[in-house]
Structures are given as C-alpha cells and as structure tokens.
Amino acid sequence: METLGSGLNQDAWDDWIQYRKDMKFKPYKSDRMKNHMAKHSHEAQRWAVDNSMNREYQGVFPENFKGDAKSGLGGY
C-alpha cells in the first residue's frame, strides 16, 4: 500500500471508514478514494467527510471539496 504521508487526514478517513461499516456499505477495494482525498487540505477532507455522513452518502464526491485552496475551505 502506498504511503500518503501528511496528505491524508487520518482522523477523517477513520471516521469515514467506520461510518461506511456502520451503514453496511461495501468496503473500498482500492486506495483510490484515499489518494483522491489526500490531494485536498485536511480541513477540506474533514468537511467533505462530515458533509457526506450528514447526508448519508455512500461516497465522498468531488463537489464536496469545492472552495478548497489546499490551505482550507473558504468560509470553513
């Protein structure tokens, strides 16, 4: 497995995986979502995960990262 270093907000990711287990969604079969999330700021990752869980989504979608400027979300 590829090491993502500081790019991934591990707390947000762990919350997301636990939520998916609790909701009985299929587990991810690759690191594709992890790699996608790691491209965004830690704040944007947290916001996207929280937003997706609040809306009971099965995935974290690119539009959930709108406003991310790597340093955080505008207005977050």
C-alpha atoms as a PDB file:
ATOM      1  CA  MET A   1       0.000   0.000   0.000  1.00  0.00           C
ATOM      2  CA  GLU A   2       1.228   3.483  -0.874  1.00  0.00           C
ATOM      3  CA  THR A   3       2.198   5.757   1.994  1.00  0.00           C
ATOM      4  CA  LEU A   4       0.320   9.034   1.788  1.00  0.00           C
ATOM      5  CA  GLY A   5       2.299  10.879   4.420  1.00  0.00           C
ATOM      6  CA  SER A   6       0.677  14.019   5.763  1.00  0.00           C
ATOM      7  CA  GLY A   7      -1.682  14.329   2.805  1.00  0.00           C
ATOM      8  CA  LEU A   8      -4.429  12.231   4.343  1.00  0.00           C
ATOM      9  CA  ASN A   9      -6.439  13.439   7.315  1.00  0.00           C
ATOM     10  CA  GLN A  10      -6.288  10.095   9.118  1.00  0.00           C
ATOM     11  CA  ASP A  11      -8.958  11.017  11.691  1.00  0.00           C
ATOM     12  CA  ALA A  12     -11.433  11.990   8.966  1.00  0.00           C
ATOM     13  CA  TRP A  13     -10.578   8.856   6.989  1.00  0.00           C
ATOM     14  CA  ASP A  14     -11.044   6.602  10.027  1.00  0.00           C
ATOM     15  CA  ASP A  15     -14.407   8.238  10.756  1.00  0.00           C
ATOM     16  CA  TRP A  16     -15.426   7.725   7.135  1.00  0.00           C
ATOM     17  CA  ILE A  17     -14.487   4.028   7.131  1.00  0.00           C
ATOM     18  CA  GLN A  18     -16.324   3.453  10.429  1.00  0.00           C
ATOM     19  CA  TYR A  19     -19.409   5.239   9.060  1.00  0.00           C
ATOM     20  CA  ARG A  20     -19.344   3.032   5.945  1.00  0.00           C
ATOM     21  CA  LYS A  21     -19.128  -0.079   8.147  1.00  0.00           C
ATOM     22  CA  ASP A  22     -21.963   1.138  10.363  1.00  0.00           C
ATOM     23  CA  MET A  23     -24.141   1.813   7.313  1.00  0.00           C
ATOM     24  CA  LYS A  24     -23.204  -1.609   5.874  1.00  0.00           C
ATOM     25  CA  PHE A  25     -21.877  -0.145   2.622  1.00  0.00           C
ATOM     26  CA  LYS A  26     -19.442  -2.209   0.580  1.00  0.00           C
ATOM     27  CA  PRO A  27     -15.808  -1.677   1.606  1.00  0.00           C
ATOM     28  CA  TYR A  28     -13.410   0.075  -0.751  1.00  0.00           C
ATOM     29  CA  LYS A  29     -11.350  -2.346  -2.836  1.00  0.00           C
ATOM     30  CA  SER A  30      -8.538   0.073  -3.609  1.00  0.00           C
ATOM     31  CA  ASP A  31      -6.811   3.163  -2.265  1.00  0.00           C
ATOM     32  CA  ARG A  32      -8.320   5.348  -4.998  1.00  0.00           C
ATOM     33  CA  MET A  33     -10.562   7.341  -2.628  1.00  0.00           C
ATOM     34  CA  LYS A  34      -7.738   7.718  -0.112  1.00  0.00           C
ATOM     35  CA  ASN A  35      -5.480   9.110  -2.819  1.00  0.00           C
ATOM     36  CA  HIS A  36      -8.218  11.451  -4.034  1.00  0.00           C
ATOM     37  CA  MET A  37      -8.840  12.810  -0.544  1.00  0.00           C
ATOM     38  CA  ALA A  38      -5.117  13.243   0.150  1.00  0.00           C
ATOM     39  CA  LYS A  39      -4.960  15.832  -2.650  1.00  0.00           C
ATOM     40  CA  HIS A  40      -7.072  18.218  -0.565  1.00  0.00           C
ATOM     41  CA  SER A  41      -6.363  20.087   2.651  1.00  0.00           C
ATOM     42  CA  HIS A  42      -7.020  18.371   5.972  1.00  0.00           C
ATOM     43  CA  GLU A  43      -9.807  20.853   6.656  1.00  0.00           C
ATOM     44  CA  ALA A  44     -11.468  20.147   3.317  1.00  0.00           C
ATOM     45  CA  GLN A  45     -11.247  16.410   3.926  1.00  0.00           C
ATOM     46  CA  ARG A  46     -12.909  16.774   7.338  1.00  0.00           C
ATOM     47  CA  TRP A  47     -15.655  18.972   5.881  1.00  0.00           C
ATOM     48  CA  ALA A  48     -16.279  16.594   2.969  1.00  0.00           C
ATOM     49  CA  VAL A  49     -16.476  13.539   5.244  1.00  0.00           C
ATOM     50  CA  ASP A  50     -18.788  15.278   7.712  1.00  0.00           C
ATOM     51  CA  ASN A  51     -20.982  16.579   4.883  1.00  0.00           C
ATOM     52  CA  SER A  52     -21.209  13.137   3.279  1.00  0.00           C
ATOM     53  CA  MET A  53     -22.057  11.428   6.571  1.00  0.00           C
ATOM     54  CA  ASN A  54     -24.685  14.043   7.460  1.00  0.00           C
ATOM     55  CA  ARG A  55     -26.359  13.478   4.103  1.00  0.00           C
ATOM     56  CA  GLU A  56     -25.970   9.684   4.411  1.00  0.00           C
ATOM     57  CA  TYR A  57     -23.990   9.464   1.173  1.00  0.00           C
ATOM     58  CA  GLN A  58     -22.176   6.273   0.220  1.00  0.00           C
ATOM     59  CA  GLY A  59     -19.223   8.234  -1.131  1.00  0.00           C
ATOM     60  CA  VAL A  60     -17.247  11.430  -0.809  1.00  0.00           C
ATOM     61  CA  PHE A  61     -17.757  13.254  -4.067  1.00  0.00           C
ATOM     62  CA  PRO A  62     -15.516  15.840  -5.769  1.00  0.00           C
ATOM     63  CA  GLU A  63     -18.128  18.579  -5.379  1.00  0.00           C
ATOM     64  CA  ASN A  64     -17.774  18.194  -1.611  1.00  0.00           C
ATOM     65  CA  PHE A  65     -14.293  19.711  -1.937  1.00  0.00           C
ATOM     66  CA  LYS A  66     -15.450  22.970  -3.614  1.00  0.00           C
ATOM     67  CA  GLY A  67     -13.642  26.016  -2.335  1.00  0.00           C
ATOM     68  CA  ASP A  68     -10.579  24.044  -1.246  1.00  0.00           C
ATOM     69  CA  ALA A  69      -7.427  26.046  -1.828  1.00  0.00           C
ATOM     70  CA  LYS A  70      -5.113  23.460  -0.228  1.00  0.00           C
ATOM     71  CA  SER A  71      -4.971  25.708   2.818  1.00  0.00           C
ATOM     72  CA  GLY A  72      -8.614  25.165   3.712  1.00  0.00           C
ATOM     73  CA  LEU A  73     -12.119  25.873   2.624  1.00  0.00           C
ATOM     74  CA  GLY A  74     -13.303  29.384   2.046  1.00  0.00           C
ATOM     75  CA  GLY A  75     -15.695  30.122   4.865  1.00  0.00           C
ATOM     76  CA  TYR A  76     -14.981  26.846   6.665  1.00  0.00           C
END
